[in-house]
């Protein structure tokens, strides 16, 4: 099995390297990741200018474009024989309506549009916590091994969110769950001519059994998404 590994935080970031290690026992991989961070960029693609690509090592490509660009270029040119696209591990959750602004999720969504199987994985960071990348790698590998053979209909892809904090090992249960549909609770505060966003995902409204609820309650949320 062959994987394309990408993200929205940029080449060489710890989440990307952790995801690469998580997939290591399941097949071969190439990395096609953005040169610069592209968090919150959603599904932007480049069509009006060429994409520069650097290749620092065999099977590693640095793309001067968006996460969706990375998926497009990989599946069209760099690794057209790839079976899966894996995006992440994003430092921060992509739950509920976050999926529409996430560059990580967009990279997986673009693969689904292309007809490939794909998965986005993110690490929620609870208040006062930091990310243990070894733990994130371990639990991502467990989820990958569990769901990689599950059926995905055309146009579907997986969105996975790890809870916080994570133990370094052990069997945290994962739960299939729907995407929460509540709007965020936030506001804009005006200071002179500037409007400042104020809001936090930690106290967001959510439905019982949704991806937000599952992740916030210490389980791995696995959501089957539609393009």
C-alpha atoms as a PDB file:
ATOM      1  CA  UNK A   1       0.000   0.000   0.000  1.00  0.00           C
ATOM      2  CA  UNK A   2       1.288   3.464  -0.862  1.00  0.00           C
ATOM      3  CA  UNK A   3       0.531   6.673   1.024  1.00  0.00           C
ATOM      4  CA  UNK A   4       0.885  10.364   0.299  1.00  0.00           C
ATOM      5  CA  UNK A   5       1.591  12.219   3.568  1.00  0.00           C
ATOM      6  CA  UNK A   6       0.775  15.921   3.751  1.00  0.00           C
ATOM      7  CA  UNK A   7      -0.358  18.612   6.202  1.00  0.00           C
ATOM      8  CA  UNK A   8      -1.233  22.292   6.487  1.00  0.00           C
ATOM      9  CA  UNK A   9       1.503  23.327   8.939  1.00  0.00           C
ATOM     10  CA  UNK A  10       4.459  22.945   6.598  1.00  0.00           C
ATOM     11  CA  UNK A  11       7.233  20.563   5.710  1.00  0.00           C
ATOM     12  CA  UNK A  12       9.269  19.199   8.609  1.00  0.00           C
ATOM     13  CA  UNK A  13       6.704  19.933  11.323  1.00  0.00           C
ATOM     14  CA  UNK A  14       6.421  17.328  14.117  1.00  0.00           C
ATOM     15  CA  UNK A  15       2.854  16.359  13.243  1.00  0.00           C
ATOM     16  CA  UNK A  16       3.877  15.485   9.694  1.00  0.00           C
ATOM     17  CA  UNK A  17       6.819  13.391  10.868  1.00  0.00           C
ATOM     18  CA  UNK A  18       4.624  11.649  13.461  1.00  0.00           C
ATOM     19  CA  UNK A  19       2.063  10.749  10.793  1.00  0.00           C
ATOM     20  CA  UNK A  20       4.802   9.412   8.533  1.00  0.00           C
ATOM     21  CA  UNK A  21       5.978   7.145  11.350  1.00  0.00           C
ATOM     22  CA  UNK A  22       2.398   6.075  12.154  1.00  0.00           C
ATOM     23  CA  UNK A  23       1.935   4.789   8.599  1.00  0.00           C
ATOM     24  CA  UNK A  24       5.336   3.124   8.376  1.00  0.00           C
ATOM     25  CA  UNK A  25       4.197  -0.428   9.146  1.00  0.00           C
ATOM     26  CA  UNK A  26       1.282  -0.272   6.726  1.00  0.00           C
ATOM     27  CA  UNK A  27       3.117   0.476   3.486  1.00  0.00           C
ATOM     28  CA  UNK A  28       5.412   2.905   1.706  1.00  0.00           C
ATOM     29  CA  UNK A  29       4.996   6.674   1.763  1.00  0.00           C
ATOM     30  CA  UNK A  30       5.970   9.840  -0.005  1.00  0.00           C
ATOM     31  CA  UNK A  31       5.784  13.258   1.622  1.00  0.00           C
ATOM     32  CA  UNK A  32       4.297  16.174  -0.324  1.00  0.00           C
ATOM     33  CA  UNK A  33       3.901  19.049   2.123  1.00  0.00           C
ATOM     34  CA  UNK A  34       3.602  22.831   1.867  1.00  0.00           C
ATOM     35  CA  UNK A  35       6.661  25.017   2.178  1.00  0.00           C
ATOM     36  CA  UNK A  36       4.848  27.421   4.511  1.00  0.00           C
ATOM     37  CA  UNK A  37       2.082  27.018   7.121  1.00  0.00           C
ATOM     38  CA  UNK A  38      -1.430  27.155   5.686  1.00  0.00           C
ATOM     39  CA  UNK A  39      -3.707  26.757   8.701  1.00  0.00           C
ATOM     40  CA  UNK A  40      -7.290  28.013   8.217  1.00  0.00           C
ATOM     41  CA  UNK A  41      -6.774  28.239   4.453  1.00  0.00           C
ATOM     42  CA  UNK A  42      -9.549  25.749   3.658  1.00  0.00           C
ATOM     43  CA  UNK A  43      -9.629  24.384   0.090  1.00  0.00           C
ATOM     44  CA  UNK A  44      -7.664  27.022  -1.794  1.00  0.00           C
ATOM     45  CA  UNK A  45      -5.892  25.761  -4.914  1.00  0.00           C
ATOM     46  CA  UNK A  46      -3.372  27.311  -7.302  1.00  0.00           C
ATOM     47  CA  UNK A  47      -4.369  27.477 -10.971  1.00  0.00           C
ATOM     48  CA  UNK A  48      -3.086  30.852 -12.230  1.00  0.00           C
ATOM     49  CA  UNK A  49       0.622  30.250 -11.730  1.00  0.00           C
ATOM     50  CA  UNK A  50       3.048  27.302 -11.685  1.00  0.00           C
ATOM     51  CA  UNK A  51       3.901  25.474  -8.480  1.00  0.00           C
ATOM     52  CA  UNK A  52       7.524  25.319  -7.435  1.00  0.00           C
ATOM     53  CA  UNK A  53       8.605  22.004  -5.907  1.00  0.00           C
ATOM     54  CA  UNK A  54      11.850  21.242  -4.058  1.00  0.00           C
ATOM     55  CA  UNK A  55      12.986  17.665  -3.464  1.00  0.00           C
ATOM     56  CA  UNK A  56      15.368  17.530  -0.473  1.00  0.00           C
ATOM     57  CA  UNK A  57      15.341  13.708  -0.373  1.00  0.00           C
ATOM     58  CA  UNK A  58      13.996  10.790  -2.346  1.00  0.00           C
ATOM     59  CA  UNK A  59      10.207  10.565  -1.847  1.00  0.00           C
ATOM     60  CA  UNK A  60      10.088  13.944  -0.098  1.00  0.00           C
ATOM     61  CA  UNK A  61       8.672  16.988  -1.864  1.00  0.00           C
ATOM     62  CA  UNK A  62       8.247  20.560  -0.628  1.00  0.00           C
ATOM     63  CA  UNK A  63       5.419  22.276  -2.489  1.00  0.00           C
ATOM     64  CA  UNK A  64       5.129  26.063  -2.696  1.00  0.00           C
ATOM     65  CA  UNK A  65       1.355  25.912  -2.487  1.00  0.00           C
ATOM     66  CA  UNK A  66      -1.631  24.974  -0.351  1.00  0.00           C
ATOM     67  CA  UNK A  67      -2.465  21.598   1.230  1.00  0.00           C
ATOM     68  CA  UNK A  68      -5.017  20.900  -1.511  1.00  0.00           C
ATOM     69  CA  UNK A  69      -2.302  21.786  -4.046  1.00  0.00           C
ATOM     70  CA  UNK A  70      -0.068  19.166  -2.431  1.00  0.00           C
ATOM     71  CA  UNK A  71      -2.735  16.493  -2.834  1.00  0.00           C
ATOM     72  CA  UNK A  72      -3.477  17.472  -6.429  1.00  0.00           C
ATOM     73  CA  UNK A  73       0.172  17.525  -7.448  1.00  0.00           C
ATOM     74  CA  UNK A  74       0.960  14.263  -5.673  1.00  0.00           C
ATOM     75  CA  UNK A  75      -1.931  12.348  -7.229  1.00  0.00           C
ATOM     76  CA  UNK A  76      -1.439  13.813 -10.690  1.00  0.00           C
ATOM     77  CA  UNK A  77       2.354  13.814 -10.956  1.00  0.00           C
ATOM     78  CA  UNK A  78       4.464  12.850  -7.944  1.00  0.00           C
ATOM     79  CA  UNK A  79       2.701   9.610  -6.896  1.00  0.00           C
ATOM     80  CA  UNK A  80      -0.241   8.822  -9.181  1.00  0.00           C
ATOM     81  CA  UNK A  81      -0.097   5.210  -8.000  1.00  0.00           C
ATOM     82  CA  UNK A  82      -0.800   6.162  -4.365  1.00  0.00           C
ATOM     83  CA  UNK A  83      -3.653   4.318  -2.633  1.00  0.00           C
ATOM     84  CA  UNK A  84      -4.243   6.763   0.224  1.00  0.00           C
ATOM     85  CA  UNK A  85      -3.689  10.402   1.178  1.00  0.00           C
ATOM     86  CA  UNK A  86      -3.067  11.020   4.890  1.00  0.00           C
ATOM     87  CA  UNK A  87      -3.142  14.614   6.179  1.00  0.00           C
ATOM     88  CA  UNK A  88      -1.888  15.787   9.581  1.00  0.00           C
ATOM     89  CA  UNK A  89      -1.242  15.357  12.403  1.00  0.00           C
ATOM     90  CA  UNK A  90      -2.688  18.819  12.912  1.00  0.00           C
ATOM     91  CA  UNK A  91      -1.821  20.558  16.230  1.00  0.00           C
ATOM     92  CA  UNK A  92      -5.363  21.504  17.180  1.00  0.00           C
ATOM     93  CA  UNK A  93      -8.746  19.887  16.669  1.00  0.00           C
ATOM     94  CA  UNK A  94     -10.738  19.913  13.444  1.00  0.00           C
ATOM     95  CA  UNK A  95     -14.196  19.155  14.811  1.00  0.00           C
ATOM     96  CA  UNK A  96     -17.684  20.161  13.778  1.00  0.00           C
ATOM     97  CA  UNK A  97     -17.710  23.160  11.479  1.00  0.00           C
ATOM     98  CA  UNK A  98     -13.925  23.509  11.786  1.00  0.00           C
ATOM     99  CA  UNK A  99     -13.676  21.104   8.854  1.00  0.00           C
ATOM    100  CA  UNK A 100     -14.681  23.865   6.431  1.00  0.00           C
ATOM    101  CA  UNK A 101     -11.787  26.147   7.345  1.00  0.00           C
ATOM    102  CA  UNK A 102      -9.135  23.480   7.826  1.00  0.00           C
ATOM    103  CA  UNK A 103      -6.322  23.065   5.332  1.00  0.00           C
ATOM    104  CA  UNK A 104      -5.641  19.622   6.784  1.00  0.00           C
ATOM    105  CA  UNK A 105      -9.168  18.414   6.090  1.00  0.00           C
ATOM    106  CA  UNK A 106      -9.089  20.063   2.650  1.00  0.00           C
ATOM    107  CA  UNK A 107      -6.076  17.959   1.688  1.00  0.00           C
ATOM    108  CA  UNK A 108      -8.041  14.790   2.491  1.00  0.00           C
ATOM    109  CA  UNK A 109     -11.189  16.140   0.838  1.00  0.00           C
ATOM    110  CA  UNK A 110      -9.290  16.844  -2.382  1.00  0.00           C
ATOM    111  CA  UNK A 111      -8.171  13.215  -2.459  1.00  0.00           C
ATOM    112  CA  UNK A 112     -11.787  12.090  -2.079  1.00  0.00           C
ATOM    113  CA  UNK A 113     -12.772  14.364  -4.963  1.00  0.00           C
ATOM    114  CA  UNK A 114     -10.010  12.693  -6.955  1.00  0.00           C
ATOM    115  CA  UNK A 115     -11.443   9.264  -6.100  1.00  0.00           C
ATOM    116  CA  UNK A 116      -8.736   8.208  -3.635  1.00  0.00           C
ATOM    117  CA  UNK A 117      -9.161   6.988  -0.077  1.00  0.00           C
ATOM    118  CA  UNK A 118      -8.033   9.563   2.458  1.00  0.00           C
ATOM    119  CA  UNK A 119      -7.891  10.539   6.104  1.00  0.00           C
ATOM    120  CA  UNK A 120      -7.283  13.743   8.054  1.00  0.00           C
ATOM    121  CA  UNK A 121      -6.063  13.462  11.643  1.00  0.00           C
ATOM    122  CA  UNK A 122      -5.838  16.208  14.252  1.00  0.00           C
ATOM    123  CA  UNK A 123      -4.782  16.455  17.873  1.00  0.00           C
ATOM    124  CA  UNK A 124      -7.089  18.391  20.174  1.00  0.00           C
ATOM    125  CA  UNK A 125      -5.203  20.439  22.786  1.00  0.00           C
ATOM    126  CA  UNK A 126      -7.176  20.865  26.010  1.00  0.00           C
ATOM    127  CA  UNK A 127      -6.617  23.926  28.237  1.00  0.00           C
ATOM    128  CA  UNK A 128      -3.296  23.673  30.061  1.00  0.00           C
ATOM    129  CA  UNK A 129      -2.100  20.740  27.942  1.00  0.00           C
ATOM    130  CA  UNK A 130       0.652  20.338  25.355  1.00  0.00           C
ATOM    131  CA  UNK A 131       1.040  17.798  22.565  1.00  0.00           C
ATOM    132  CA  UNK A 132       2.944  14.568  23.178  1.00  0.00           C
ATOM    133  CA  UNK A 133       3.886  13.697  19.610  1.00  0.00           C
ATOM    134  CA  UNK A 134       5.012  10.179  20.498  1.00  0.00           C
ATOM    135  CA  UNK A 135       1.592   9.497  22.005  1.00  0.00           C
ATOM    136  CA  UNK A 136      -0.136  11.061  18.995  1.00  0.00           C
ATOM    137  CA  UNK A 137       1.904   8.857  16.671  1.00  0.00           C
ATOM    138  CA  UNK A 138       1.084   5.717  18.681  1.00  0.00           C
ATOM    139  CA  UNK A 139      -2.671   6.293  18.756  1.00  0.00           C
ATOM    140  CA  UNK A 140      -2.792   7.429  15.132  1.00  0.00           C
ATOM    141  CA  UNK A 141      -1.092   4.184  14.116  1.00  0.00           C
ATOM    142  CA  UNK A 142      -3.719   2.226  16.074  1.00  0.00           C
ATOM    143  CA  UNK A 143      -6.611   4.058  14.385  1.00  0.00           C
ATOM    144  CA  UNK A 144      -5.060   3.698  10.941  1.00  0.00           C
ATOM    145  CA  UNK A 145      -4.643  -0.034  11.375  1.00  0.00           C
ATOM    146  CA  UNK A 146      -8.243  -0.349  12.559  1.00  0.00           C
ATOM    147  CA  UNK A 147     -10.038   1.642   9.872  1.00  0.00           C
ATOM    148  CA  UNK A 148      -7.840   1.292   6.814  1.00  0.00           C
ATOM    149  CA  UNK A 149      -9.778  -1.745   5.592  1.00  0.00           C
ATOM    150  CA  UNK A 150     -13.230  -0.282   6.303  1.00  0.00           C
ATOM    151  CA  UNK A 151     -15.417   0.598   3.354  1.00  0.00           C
ATOM    152  CA  UNK A 152     -15.546   4.133   2.007  1.00  0.00           C
ATOM    153  CA  UNK A 153     -18.083   5.015  -0.655  1.00  0.00           C
ATOM    154  CA  UNK A 154     -17.003   7.284  -3.518  1.00  0.00           C
ATOM    155  CA  UNK A 155     -16.750  10.843  -2.233  1.00  0.00           C
ATOM    156  CA  UNK A 156     -16.190   9.840   1.393  1.00  0.00           C
ATOM    157  CA  UNK A 157     -13.138  10.271   3.610  1.00  0.00           C
ATOM    158  CA  UNK A 158     -12.222   9.933   7.283  1.00  0.00           C
ATOM    159  CA  UNK A 159     -11.753  12.756   9.782  1.00  0.00           C
ATOM    160  CA  UNK A 160     -10.031  11.673  13.019  1.00  0.00           C
ATOM    161  CA  UNK A 161      -9.563  13.760  16.166  1.00  0.00           C
ATOM    162  CA  UNK A 162      -7.409  12.626  19.075  1.00  0.00           C
ATOM    163  CA  UNK A 163      -8.437  13.661  22.616  1.00  0.00           C
ATOM    164  CA  UNK A 164      -6.281  15.584  25.082  1.00  0.00           C
ATOM    165  CA  UNK A 165      -4.352  14.587  27.096  1.00  0.00           C
ATOM    166  CA  UNK A 166      -3.197  11.314  25.531  1.00  0.00           C
ATOM    167  CA  UNK A 167      -1.428   8.495  27.383  1.00  0.00           C
ATOM    168  CA  UNK A 168       1.762   7.262  25.741  1.00  0.00           C
ATOM    169  CA  UNK A 169       0.292   3.804  25.206  1.00  0.00           C
ATOM    170  CA  UNK A 170      -2.785   1.732  25.999  1.00  0.00           C
ATOM    171  CA  UNK A 171      -6.060   1.321  24.190  1.00  0.00           C
ATOM    172  CA  UNK A 172      -8.064   4.522  24.129  1.00  0.00           C
ATOM    173  CA  UNK A 173     -11.339   3.581  22.445  1.00  0.00           C
ATOM    174  CA  UNK A 174     -12.267   5.173  19.153  1.00  0.00           C
ATOM    175  CA  UNK A 175     -15.856   5.887  18.290  1.00  0.00           C
ATOM    176  CA  UNK A 176     -17.560   6.443  14.934  1.00  0.00           C
ATOM    177  CA  UNK A 177     -19.582   9.628  15.281  1.00  0.00           C
ATOM    178  CA  UNK A 178     -21.257  12.334  13.202  1.00  0.00           C
ATOM    179  CA  UNK A 179     -19.898  15.816  12.701  1.00  0.00           C
ATOM    180  CA  UNK A 180     -21.379  18.306  15.156  1.00  0.00           C
ATOM    181  CA  UNK A 181     -23.485  20.960  13.427  1.00  0.00           C
ATOM    182  CA  UNK A 182     -23.579  23.688  16.063  1.00  0.00           C
ATOM    183  CA  UNK A 183     -22.278  27.129  15.182  1.00  0.00           C
ATOM    184  CA  UNK A 184     -19.289  28.438  17.109  1.00  0.00           C
ATOM    185  CA  UNK A 185     -19.859  30.791  20.015  1.00  0.00           C
ATOM    186  CA  UNK A 186     -17.729  33.874  19.283  1.00  0.00           C
ATOM    187  CA  UNK A 187     -17.858  37.632  18.822  1.00  0.00           C
ATOM    188  CA  UNK A 188     -15.889  40.503  17.349  1.00  0.00           C
ATOM    189  CA  UNK A 189     -14.678  43.334  19.583  1.00  0.00           C
ATOM    190  CA  UNK A 190     -13.962  46.653  17.907  1.00  0.00           C
ATOM    191  CA  UNK A 191     -10.855  48.575  18.927  1.00  0.00           C
ATOM    192  CA  UNK A 192     -10.459  51.709  16.858  1.00  0.00           C
ATOM    193  CA  UNK A 193     -10.649  50.505  13.225  1.00  0.00           C
ATOM    194  CA  UNK A 194      -9.851  46.870  14.052  1.00  0.00           C
ATOM    195  CA  UNK A 195     -12.255  44.036  14.824  1.00  0.00           C
ATOM    196  CA  UNK A 196     -10.751  41.366  17.088  1.00  0.00           C
ATOM    197  CA  UNK A 197     -12.075  37.807  17.120  1.00  0.00           C
ATOM    198  CA  UNK A 198     -12.909  36.454  20.575  1.00  0.00           C
ATOM    199  CA  UNK A 199     -13.952  32.869  21.103  1.00  0.00           C
ATOM    200  CA  UNK A 200     -12.719  29.491  22.251  1.00  0.00           C
ATOM    201  CA  UNK A 201     -13.378  25.979  21.010  1.00  0.00           C
ATOM    202  CA  UNK A 202     -13.170  24.490  24.503  1.00  0.00           C
ATOM    203  CA  UNK A 203     -16.625  25.652  25.609  1.00  0.00           C
ATOM    204  CA  UNK A 204     -18.362  25.390  22.239  1.00  0.00           C
ATOM    205  CA  UNK A 205     -21.956  24.121  22.143  1.00  0.00           C
ATOM    206  CA  UNK A 206     -22.269  20.563  20.873  1.00  0.00           C
ATOM    207  CA  UNK A 207     -24.612  17.600  20.642  1.00  0.00           C
ATOM    208  CA  UNK A 208     -24.230  14.399  22.636  1.00  0.00           C
ATOM    209  CA  UNK A 209     -22.526  11.703  20.598  1.00  0.00           C
ATOM    210  CA  UNK A 210     -21.086  14.134  18.061  1.00  0.00           C
ATOM    211  CA  UNK A 211     -17.393  14.343  17.154  1.00  0.00           C
ATOM    212  CA  UNK A 212     -16.949  17.296  19.520  1.00  0.00           C
ATOM    213  CA  UNK A 213     -18.595  15.433  22.385  1.00  0.00           C
ATOM    214  CA  UNK A 214     -16.619  12.221  21.808  1.00  0.00           C
ATOM    215  CA  UNK A 215     -13.246  13.985  21.578  1.00  0.00           C
ATOM    216  CA  UNK A 216     -13.873  16.304  24.526  1.00  0.00           C
ATOM    217  CA  UNK A 217     -14.808  13.258  26.618  1.00  0.00           C
ATOM    218  CA  UNK A 218     -11.504  11.486  26.088  1.00  0.00           C
ATOM    219  CA  UNK A 219     -12.165   9.178  23.147  1.00  0.00           C
ATOM    220  CA  UNK A 220     -10.848   9.222  19.579  1.00  0.00           C
ATOM    221  CA  UNK A 221     -13.514  10.679  17.303  1.00  0.00           C
ATOM    222  CA  UNK A 222     -13.720   9.055  13.842  1.00  0.00           C
ATOM    223  CA  UNK A 223     -16.126  10.684  11.401  1.00  0.00           C
ATOM    224  CA  UNK A 224     -17.012   9.496   7.917  1.00  0.00           C
ATOM    225  CA  UNK A 225     -17.140  12.696   5.870  1.00  0.00           C
ATOM    226  CA  UNK A 226     -18.784  13.466   2.530  1.00  0.00           C
ATOM    227  CA  UNK A 227     -17.352  15.861  -0.023  1.00  0.00           C
END
